[in-house]
Amino acid sequence: MSLYNFPMKAHVYVTLKRTVLDAQGQTIANSLRRLHHPAVTDVRQGKYFVLTLEDSLAHDAAKSEVERIASEVLTNPVIEEFTYTLEN
């Protein structure tokens, strides 16, 4: 066991589903093309959250907790989806 316990962090990314029109993303993409960035073909905007979890939480329990929080609180499951990463 380490002398130092660092809390686990979950990085949660929420975006609109691909089937949902992302008007803000389209506006950004159009602006980038006008600013001479033709290599950008699409932009999807979203939200980013960092959750700090108790350091005593096991990895599998942390995954379950983050998935529950993301699906019940951070997203509108009708139009949004999420991905996440965990770091110690």
PDB file of N, CA and C in Angstrom:
ATOM      1  N   MET A   1       0.845  -1.185   0.000  1.00  0.00           N
ATOM      2  CA  MET A   1       0.000   0.000   0.000  1.00  0.00           C
ATOM      3  C   MET A   1       0.884   1.240   0.000  1.00  0.00           C
ATOM      4  N   SER A   2       0.500   2.230  -0.759  1.00  0.00           N
ATOM      5  CA  SER A   2       1.246   3.478  -0.879  1.00  0.00           C
ATOM      6  C   SER A   2       1.042   4.353   0.350  1.00  0.00           C
ATOM      7  N   LEU A   3       2.083   5.129   0.664  1.00  0.00           N
ATOM      8  CA  LEU A   3       1.944   6.096   1.743  1.00  0.00           C
ATOM      9  C   LEU A   3       1.017   7.229   1.354  1.00  0.00           C
ATOM     10  N   TYR A   4       0.885   7.430   0.078  1.00  0.00           N
ATOM     11  CA  TYR A   4       0.059   8.529  -0.431  1.00  0.00           C
ATOM     12  C   TYR A   4      -1.155   7.978  -1.150  1.00  0.00           C
ATOM     13  N   ASN A   5      -2.319   8.383  -0.726  1.00  0.00           N
ATOM     14  CA  ASN A   5      -3.551   8.004  -1.404  1.00  0.00           C
ATOM     15  C   ASN A   5      -4.025   9.194  -2.224  1.00  0.00           C
ATOM     16  N   PHE A   6      -4.129   8.981  -3.502  1.00  0.00           N
ATOM     17  CA  PHE A   6      -4.614  10.030  -4.379  1.00  0.00           C
ATOM     18  C   PHE A   6      -6.023   9.679  -4.814  1.00  0.00           C
ATOM     19  N   PRO A   7      -6.934  10.630  -4.769  1.00  0.00           N
ATOM     20  CA  PRO A   7      -8.302  10.320  -5.188  1.00  0.00           C
ATOM     21  C   PRO A   7      -8.352   9.982  -6.676  1.00  0.00           C
ATOM     22  N   MET A   8      -9.263   9.102  -7.021  1.00  0.00           N
ATOM     23  CA  MET A   8      -9.474   8.748  -8.414  1.00  0.00           C
ATOM     24  C   MET A   8     -10.260   9.869  -9.081  1.00  0.00           C
ATOM     25  N   LYS A   9      -9.921  10.150 -10.334  1.00  0.00           N
ATOM     26  CA  LYS A   9     -10.645  11.164 -11.092  1.00  0.00           C
ATOM     27  C   LYS A   9     -11.291  10.517 -12.307  1.00  0.00           C
ATOM     28  N   ALA A  10     -12.524  10.928 -12.562  1.00  0.00           N
ATOM     29  CA  ALA A  10     -13.240  10.475 -13.752  1.00  0.00           C
ATOM     30  C   ALA A  10     -13.388  11.680 -14.671  1.00  0.00           C
ATOM     31  N   HIS A  11     -12.986  11.514 -15.917  1.00  0.00           N
ATOM     32  CA  HIS A  11     -13.137  12.549 -16.932  1.00  0.00           C
ATOM     33  C   HIS A  11     -14.303  12.120 -17.823  1.00  0.00           C
ATOM     34  N   VAL A  12     -15.390  12.882 -17.770  1.00  0.00           N
ATOM     35  CA  VAL A  12     -16.618  12.516 -18.478  1.00  0.00           C
ATOM     36  C   VAL A  12     -16.845  13.505 -19.619  1.00  0.00           C
ATOM     37  N   TYR A  13     -17.027  12.980 -20.816  1.00  0.00           N
ATOM     38  CA  TYR A  13     -17.271  13.780 -22.010  1.00  0.00           C
ATOM     39  C   TYR A  13     -18.694  13.514 -22.490  1.00  0.00           C
ATOM     40  N   VAL A  14     -19.478  14.568 -22.613  1.00  0.00           N
ATOM     41  CA  VAL A  14     -20.874  14.449 -23.033  1.00  0.00           C
ATOM     42  C   VAL A  14     -21.025  15.174 -24.367  1.00  0.00           C
ATOM     43  N   THR A  15     -21.574  14.485 -25.359  1.00  0.00           N
ATOM     44  CA  THR A  15     -21.815  15.095 -26.673  1.00  0.00           C
ATOM     45  C   THR A  15     -23.214  14.720 -27.150  1.00  0.00           C
ATOM     46  N   LEU A  16     -23.679  15.486 -28.109  1.00  0.00           N
ATOM     47  CA  LEU A  16     -24.948  15.137 -28.743  1.00  0.00           C
ATOM     48  C   LEU A  16     -24.765  13.851 -29.542  1.00  0.00           C
ATOM     49  N   LYS A  17     -25.788  13.036 -29.590  1.00  0.00           N
ATOM     50  CA  LYS A  17     -25.732  11.841 -30.423  1.00  0.00           C
ATOM     51  C   LYS A  17     -25.528  12.251 -31.880  1.00  0.00           C
ATOM     52  N   ARG A  18     -24.902  11.385 -32.645  1.00  0.00           N
ATOM     53  CA  ARG A  18     -24.645  11.665 -34.074  1.00  0.00           C
ATOM     54  C   ARG A  18     -25.936  11.926 -34.842  1.00  0.00           C
ATOM     55  N   THR A  19     -27.026  11.375 -34.383  1.00  0.00           N
ATOM     56  CA  THR A  19     -28.302  11.552 -35.075  1.00  0.00           C
ATOM     57  C   THR A  19     -28.968  12.894 -34.765  1.00  0.00           C
ATOM     58  N   VAL A  20     -28.381  13.656 -33.829  1.00  0.00           N
ATOM     59  CA  VAL A  20     -28.942  14.951 -33.425  1.00  0.00           C
ATOM     60  C   VAL A  20     -28.127  16.063 -34.069  1.00  0.00           C
ATOM     61  N   LEU A  21     -28.805  17.015 -34.673  1.00  0.00           N
ATOM     62  CA  LEU A  21     -28.145  18.150 -35.302  1.00  0.00           C
ATOM     63  C   LEU A  21     -27.383  18.956 -34.251  1.00  0.00           C
ATOM     64  N   ASP A  22     -26.107  19.202 -34.501  1.00  0.00           N
ATOM     65  CA  ASP A  22     -25.268  20.008 -33.613  1.00  0.00           C
ATOM     66  C   ASP A  22     -25.054  21.362 -34.276  1.00  0.00           C
ATOM     67  N   ALA A  23     -26.013  22.260 -34.083  1.00  0.00           N
ATOM     68  CA  ALA A  23     -25.970  23.574 -34.739  1.00  0.00           C
ATOM     69  C   ALA A  23     -24.740  24.376 -34.315  1.00  0.00           C
ATOM     70  N   GLN A  24     -24.393  24.320 -33.041  1.00  0.00           N
ATOM     71  CA  GLN A  24     -23.214  25.061 -32.579  1.00  0.00           C
ATOM     72  C   GLN A  24     -21.943  24.480 -33.199  1.00  0.00           C
ATOM     73  N   GLY A  25     -21.857  23.183 -33.272  1.00  0.00           N
ATOM     74  CA  GLY A  25     -20.713  22.540 -33.921  1.00  0.00           C
ATOM     75  C   GLY A  25     -20.612  22.930 -35.381  1.00  0.00           C
ATOM     76  N   GLN A  26     -21.735  22.979 -36.088  1.00  0.00           N
ATOM     77  CA  GLN A  26     -21.727  23.392 -37.496  1.00  0.00           C
ATOM     78  C   GLN A  26     -21.269  24.841 -37.644  1.00  0.00           C
ATOM     79  N   THR A  27     -21.713  25.702 -36.750  1.00  0.00           N
ATOM     80  CA  THR A  27     -21.308  27.110 -36.790  1.00  0.00           C
ATOM     81  C   THR A  27     -19.801  27.230 -36.594  1.00  0.00           C
ATOM     82  N   ILE A  28     -19.266  26.487 -35.653  1.00  0.00           N
ATOM     83  CA  ILE A  28     -17.822  26.507 -35.412  1.00  0.00           C
ATOM     84  C   ILE A  28     -17.078  25.985 -36.631  1.00  0.00           C
ATOM     85  N   ALA A  29     -17.535  24.891 -37.214  1.00  0.00           N
ATOM     86  CA  ALA A  29     -16.886  24.327 -38.398  1.00  0.00           C
ATOM     87  C   ALA A  29     -16.905  25.320 -39.550  1.00  0.00           C
ATOM     88  N   ASN A  30     -18.029  25.994 -39.776  1.00  0.00           N
ATOM     89  CA  ASN A  30     -18.113  27.000 -40.839  1.00  0.00           C
ATOM     90  C   ASN A  30     -17.143  28.149 -40.583  1.00  0.00           C
ATOM     91  N   SER A  31     -17.049  28.578 -39.332  1.00  0.00           N
ATOM     92  CA  SER A  31     -16.118  29.661 -38.987  1.00  0.00           C
ATOM     93  C   SER A  31     -14.675  29.236 -39.235  1.00  0.00           C
ATOM     94  N   LEU A  32     -14.344  28.010 -38.885  1.00  0.00           N
ATOM     95  CA  LEU A  32     -12.985  27.529 -39.118  1.00  0.00           C
ATOM     96  C   LEU A  32     -12.646  27.502 -40.603  1.00  0.00           C
ATOM     97  N   ARG A  33     -13.612  27.098 -41.431  1.00  0.00           N
ATOM     98  CA  ARG A  33     -13.365  27.101 -42.882  1.00  0.00           C
ATOM     99  C   ARG A  33     -13.150  28.526 -43.391  1.00  0.00           C
ATOM    100  N   ARG A  34     -13.961  29.463 -42.890  1.00  0.00           N
ATOM    101  CA  ARG A  34     -13.786  30.866 -43.295  1.00  0.00           C
ATOM    102  C   ARG A  34     -12.446  31.430 -42.824  1.00  0.00           C
ATOM    103  N   LEU A  35     -11.923  30.881 -41.732  1.00  0.00           N
ATOM    104  CA  LEU A  35     -10.629  31.326 -41.210  1.00  0.00           C
ATOM    105  C   LEU A  35      -9.464  30.526 -41.802  1.00  0.00           C
ATOM    106  N   HIS A  36      -9.742  29.842 -42.907  1.00  0.00           N
ATOM    107  CA  HIS A  36      -8.725  29.114 -43.685  1.00  0.00           C
ATOM    108  C   HIS A  36      -8.161  27.905 -42.941  1.00  0.00           C
ATOM    109  N   HIS A  37      -9.058  27.120 -42.362  1.00  0.00           N
ATOM    110  CA  HIS A  37      -8.707  25.836 -41.756  1.00  0.00           C
ATOM    111  C   HIS A  37      -9.504  24.744 -42.466  1.00  0.00           C
ATOM    112  N   PRO A  38      -9.193  24.513 -43.748  1.00  0.00           N
ATOM    113  CA  PRO A  38     -10.002  23.571 -44.540  1.00  0.00           C
ATOM    114  C   PRO A  38      -9.861  22.106 -44.115  1.00  0.00           C
ATOM    115  N   ALA A  39      -8.868  21.784 -43.320  1.00  0.00           N
ATOM    116  CA  ALA A  39      -8.672  20.391 -42.917  1.00  0.00           C
ATOM    117  C   ALA A  39      -9.746  19.929 -41.927  1.00  0.00           C
ATOM    118  N   VAL A  40     -10.418  20.864 -41.271  1.00  0.00           N
ATOM    119  CA  VAL A  40     -11.469  20.496 -40.322  1.00  0.00           C
ATOM    120  C   VAL A  40     -12.749  20.247 -41.104  1.00  0.00           C
ATOM    121  N   THR A  41     -13.240  19.009 -41.046  1.00  0.00           N
ATOM    122  CA  THR A  41     -14.430  18.662 -41.815  1.00  0.00           C
ATOM    123  C   THR A  41     -15.695  18.621 -40.970  1.00  0.00           C
ATOM    124  N   ASP A  42     -15.544  18.499 -39.644  1.00  0.00           N
ATOM    125  CA  ASP A  42     -16.714  18.425 -38.772  1.00  0.00           C
ATOM    126  C   ASP A  42     -16.310  18.839 -37.365  1.00  0.00           C
ATOM    127  N   VAL A  43     -17.239  19.444 -36.642  1.00  0.00           N
ATOM    128  CA  VAL A  43     -17.026  19.798 -35.241  1.00  0.00           C
ATOM    129  C   VAL A  43     -18.261  19.360 -34.467  1.00  0.00           C
ATOM    130  N   ARG A  44     -18.030  18.666 -33.371  1.00  0.00           N
ATOM    131  CA  ARG A  44     -19.094  18.301 -32.443  1.00  0.00           C
ATOM    132  C   ARG A  44     -18.722  18.929 -31.113  1.00  0.00           C
ATOM    133  N   GLN A  45     -19.584  19.765 -30.589  1.00  0.00           N
ATOM    134  CA  GLN A  45     -19.302  20.402 -29.305  1.00  0.00           C
ATOM    135  C   GLN A  45     -19.976  19.610 -28.199  1.00  0.00           C
ATOM    136  N   GLY A  46     -19.517  19.839 -26.978  1.00  0.00           N
ATOM    137  CA  GLY A  46     -20.085  19.091 -25.869  1.00  0.00           C
ATOM    138  C   GLY A  46     -19.713  19.687 -24.535  1.00  0.00           C
ATOM    139  N   LYS A  47     -19.820  18.840 -23.510  1.00  0.00           N
ATOM    140  CA  LYS A  47     -19.523  19.239 -22.144  1.00  0.00           C
ATOM    141  C   LYS A  47     -18.457  18.304 -21.586  1.00  0.00           C
ATOM    142  N   TYR A  48     -17.673  18.828 -20.656  1.00  0.00           N
ATOM    143  CA  TYR A  48     -16.606  18.056 -20.036  1.00  0.00           C
ATOM    144  C   TYR A  48     -16.712  18.211 -18.523  1.00  0.00           C
ATOM    145  N   PHE A  49     -16.670  17.103 -17.808  1.00  0.00           N
ATOM    146  CA  PHE A  49     -16.764  17.110 -16.356  1.00  0.00           C
ATOM    147  C   PHE A  49     -15.595  16.331 -15.772  1.00  0.00           C
ATOM    148  N   VAL A  50     -15.077  16.789 -14.653  1.00  0.00           N
ATOM    149  CA  VAL A  50     -14.085  16.032 -13.884  1.00  0.00           C
ATOM    150  C   VAL A  50     -14.712  15.728 -12.534  1.00  0.00           C
ATOM    151  N   LEU A  51     -14.866  14.456 -12.246  1.00  0.00           N
ATOM    152  CA  LEU A  51     -15.430  14.014 -10.972  1.00  0.00           C
ATOM    153  C   LEU A  51     -14.295  13.460 -10.113  1.00  0.00           C
ATOM    154  N   THR A  52     -14.152  13.955  -8.913  1.00  0.00           N
ATOM    155  CA  THR A  52     -13.169  13.419  -7.978  1.00  0.00           C
ATOM    156  C   THR A  52     -13.893  12.433  -7.066  1.00  0.00           C
ATOM    157  N   LEU A  53     -13.392  11.201  -7.052  1.00  0.00           N
ATOM    158  CA  LEU A  53     -14.039  10.120  -6.313  1.00  0.00           C
ATOM    159  C   LEU A  53     -13.242   9.775  -5.062  1.00  0.00           C
ATOM    160  N   GLU A  54     -13.907   9.199  -4.084  1.00  0.00           N
ATOM    161  CA  GLU A  54     -13.234   8.763  -2.862  1.00  0.00           C
ATOM    162  C   GLU A  54     -12.098   7.822  -3.220  1.00  0.00           C
ATOM    163  N   ASP A  55     -10.962   7.987  -2.557  1.00  0.00           N
ATOM    164  CA  ASP A  55      -9.812   7.150  -2.868  1.00  0.00           C
ATOM    165  C   ASP A  55      -9.985   5.707  -2.396  1.00  0.00           C
ATOM    166  N   SER A  56     -10.985   5.453  -1.567  1.00  0.00           N
ATOM    167  CA  SER A  56     -11.238   4.086  -1.106  1.00  0.00           C
ATOM    168  C   SER A  56     -12.100   3.285  -2.087  1.00  0.00           C
ATOM    169  N   LEU A  57     -12.608   3.925  -3.121  1.00  0.00           N
ATOM    170  CA  LEU A  57     -13.507   3.263  -4.070  1.00  0.00           C
ATOM    171  C   LEU A  57     -12.722   2.331  -4.993  1.00  0.00           C
ATOM    172  N   ALA A  58     -13.162   1.085  -5.095  1.00  0.00           N
ATOM    173  CA  ALA A  58     -12.523   0.123  -5.993  1.00  0.00           C
ATOM    174  C   ALA A  58     -12.798   0.520  -7.440  1.00  0.00           C
ATOM    175  N   HIS A  59     -11.938   0.079  -8.352  1.00  0.00           N
ATOM    176  CA  HIS A  59     -12.040   0.467  -9.762  1.00  0.00           C
ATOM    177  C   HIS A  59     -13.384   0.092 -10.368  1.00  0.00           C
ATOM    178  N   ASP A  60     -13.853  -1.120 -10.139  1.00  0.00           N
ATOM    179  CA  ASP A  60     -15.149  -1.547 -10.695  1.00  0.00           C
ATOM    180  C   ASP A  60     -16.302  -0.739 -10.105  1.00  0.00           C
ATOM    181  N   ALA A  61     -16.221  -0.443  -8.806  1.00  0.00           N
ATOM    182  CA  ALA A  61     -17.262   0.381  -8.172  1.00  0.00           C
ATOM    183  C   ALA A  61     -17.223   1.799  -8.721  1.00  0.00           C
ATOM    184  N   ALA A  62     -16.021   2.306  -8.985  1.00  0.00           N
ATOM    185  CA  ALA A  62     -15.891   3.649  -9.551  1.00  0.00           C
ATOM    186  C   ALA A  62     -16.516   3.700 -10.942  1.00  0.00           C
ATOM    187  N   LYS A  63     -16.259   2.680 -11.758  1.00  0.00           N
ATOM    188  CA  LYS A  63     -16.861   2.633 -13.103  1.00  0.00           C
ATOM    189  C   LYS A  63     -18.383   2.643 -13.008  1.00  0.00           C
ATOM    190  N   SER A  64     -18.940   1.821 -12.135  1.00  0.00           N
ATOM    191  CA  SER A  64     -20.394   1.758 -11.989  1.00  0.00           C
ATOM    192  C   SER A  64     -20.965   3.096 -11.536  1.00  0.00           C
ATOM    193  N   GLU A  65     -20.286   3.736 -10.583  1.00  0.00           N
ATOM    194  CA  GLU A  65     -20.759   5.019 -10.058  1.00  0.00           C
ATOM    195  C   GLU A  65     -20.714   6.104 -11.133  1.00  0.00           C
ATOM    196  N   VAL A  66     -19.625   6.160 -11.881  1.00  0.00           N
ATOM    197  CA  VAL A  66     -19.493   7.174 -12.940  1.00  0.00           C
ATOM    198  C   VAL A  66     -20.544   6.949 -14.024  1.00  0.00           C
ATOM    199  N   GLU A  67     -20.746   5.716 -14.431  1.00  0.00           N
ATOM    200  CA  GLU A  67     -21.759   5.422 -15.454  1.00  0.00           C
ATOM    201  C   GLU A  67     -23.154   5.815 -14.975  1.00  0.00           C
ATOM    202  N   ARG A  68     -23.450   5.538 -13.713  1.00  0.00           N
ATOM    203  CA  ARG A  68     -24.756   5.914 -13.168  1.00  0.00           C
ATOM    204  C   ARG A  68     -24.922   7.428 -13.118  1.00  0.00           C
ATOM    205  N   ILE A  69     -23.916   8.133 -12.639  1.00  0.00           N
ATOM    206  CA  ILE A  69     -23.978   9.596 -12.568  1.00  0.00           C
ATOM    207  C   ILE A  69     -24.116  10.190 -13.966  1.00  0.00           C
ATOM    208  N   ALA A  70     -23.310   9.708 -14.896  1.00  0.00           N
ATOM    209  CA  ALA A  70     -23.343  10.249 -16.256  1.00  0.00           C
ATOM    210  C   ALA A  70     -24.688  10.018 -16.929  1.00  0.00           C
ATOM    211  N   SER A  71     -25.245   8.832 -16.755  1.00  0.00           N
ATOM    212  CA  SER A  71     -26.511   8.539 -17.438  1.00  0.00           C
ATOM    213  C   SER A  71     -27.721   9.172 -16.751  1.00  0.00           C
ATOM    214  N   GLU A  72     -27.665   9.345 -15.426  1.00  0.00           N
ATOM    215  CA  GLU A  72     -28.822   9.871 -14.704  1.00  0.00           C
ATOM    216  C   GLU A  72     -28.786  11.385 -14.481  1.00  0.00           C
ATOM    217  N   VAL A  73     -27.584  11.960 -14.424  1.00  0.00           N
ATOM    218  CA  VAL A  73     -27.471  13.364 -14.036  1.00  0.00           C
ATOM    219  C   VAL A  73     -26.835  14.237 -15.119  1.00  0.00           C
ATOM    220  N   LEU A  74     -25.743  13.781 -15.704  1.00  0.00           N
ATOM    221  CA  LEU A  74     -24.959  14.645 -16.597  1.00  0.00           C
ATOM    222  C   LEU A  74     -25.467  14.687 -18.033  1.00  0.00           C
ATOM    223  N   THR A  75     -26.260  13.715 -18.438  1.00  0.00           N
ATOM    224  CA  THR A  75     -26.726  13.677 -19.819  1.00  0.00           C
ATOM    225  C   THR A  75     -28.246  13.631 -19.905  1.00  0.00           C
ATOM    226  N   ASN A  76     -28.722  14.065 -21.049  1.00  0.00           N
ATOM    227  CA  ASN A  76     -30.114  13.824 -21.425  1.00  0.00           C
ATOM    228  C   ASN A  76     -30.045  12.630 -22.373  1.00  0.00           C
ATOM    229  N   PRO A  77     -30.383  11.430 -21.916  1.00  0.00           N
ATOM    230  CA  PRO A  77     -30.172  10.230 -22.720  1.00  0.00           C
ATOM    231  C   PRO A  77     -30.943  10.191 -24.038  1.00  0.00           C
ATOM    232  N   VAL A  78     -31.919  11.047 -24.199  1.00  0.00           N
ATOM    233  CA  VAL A  78     -32.663  11.089 -25.456  1.00  0.00           C
ATOM    234  C   VAL A  78     -31.792  11.667 -26.574  1.00  0.00           C
ATOM    235  N   ILE A  79     -30.978  12.679 -26.240  1.00  0.00           N
ATOM    236  CA  ILE A  79     -30.208  13.359 -27.291  1.00  0.00           C
ATOM    237  C   ILE A  79     -28.699  13.349 -27.072  1.00  0.00           C
ATOM    238  N   GLU A  80     -28.225  12.887 -25.903  1.00  0.00           N
ATOM    239  CA  GLU A  80     -26.795  12.938 -25.616  1.00  0.00           C
ATOM    240  C   GLU A  80     -26.252  11.556 -25.288  1.00  0.00           C
ATOM    241  N   GLU A  81     -24.940  11.429 -25.467  1.00  0.00           N
ATOM    242  CA  GLU A  81     -24.224  10.222 -25.082  1.00  0.00           C
ATOM    243  C   GLU A  81     -22.960  10.637 -24.344  1.00  0.00           C
ATOM    244  N   PHE A  82     -22.326   9.693 -23.675  1.00  0.00           N
ATOM    245  CA  PHE A  82     -21.123  10.034 -22.909  1.00  0.00           C
ATOM    246  C   PHE A  82     -20.057   8.973 -23.057  1.00  0.00           C
ATOM    247  N   THR A  83     -18.837   9.402 -22.842  1.00  0.00           N
ATOM    248  CA  THR A  83     -17.702   8.521 -22.689  1.00  0.00           C
ATOM    249  C   THR A  83     -16.950   9.016 -21.453  1.00  0.00           C
ATOM    250  N   TYR A  84     -16.098   8.175 -20.913  1.00  0.00           N
ATOM    251  CA  TYR A  84     -15.335   8.602 -19.742  1.00  0.00           C
ATOM    252  C   TYR A  84     -14.034   7.827 -19.640  1.00  0.00           C
ATOM    253  N   THR A  85     -13.117   8.396 -18.890  1.00  0.00           N
ATOM    254  CA  THR A  85     -11.874   7.714 -18.524  1.00  0.00           C
ATOM    255  C   THR A  85     -11.684   7.882 -17.026  1.00  0.00           C
ATOM    256  N   LEU A  86     -11.010   6.917 -16.428  1.00  0.00           N
ATOM    257  CA  LEU A  86     -10.671   6.974 -15.017  1.00  0.00           C
ATOM    258  C   LEU A  86      -9.156   7.064 -14.872  1.00  0.00           C
ATOM    259  N   GLU A  87      -8.719   7.881 -13.923  1.00  0.00           N
ATOM    260  CA  GLU A  87      -7.282   7.940 -13.633  1.00  0.00           C
ATOM    261  C   GLU A  87      -7.086   7.923 -12.124  1.00  0.00           C
ATOM    262  N   ASN A  88      -6.008   7.284 -11.709  1.00  0.00           N
ATOM    263  CA  ASN A  88      -5.676   7.229 -10.276  1.00  0.00           C
ATOM    264  C   ASN A  88      -4.770   8.361  -9.918  1.00  0.00           C
TER     265      ASN A  88
END
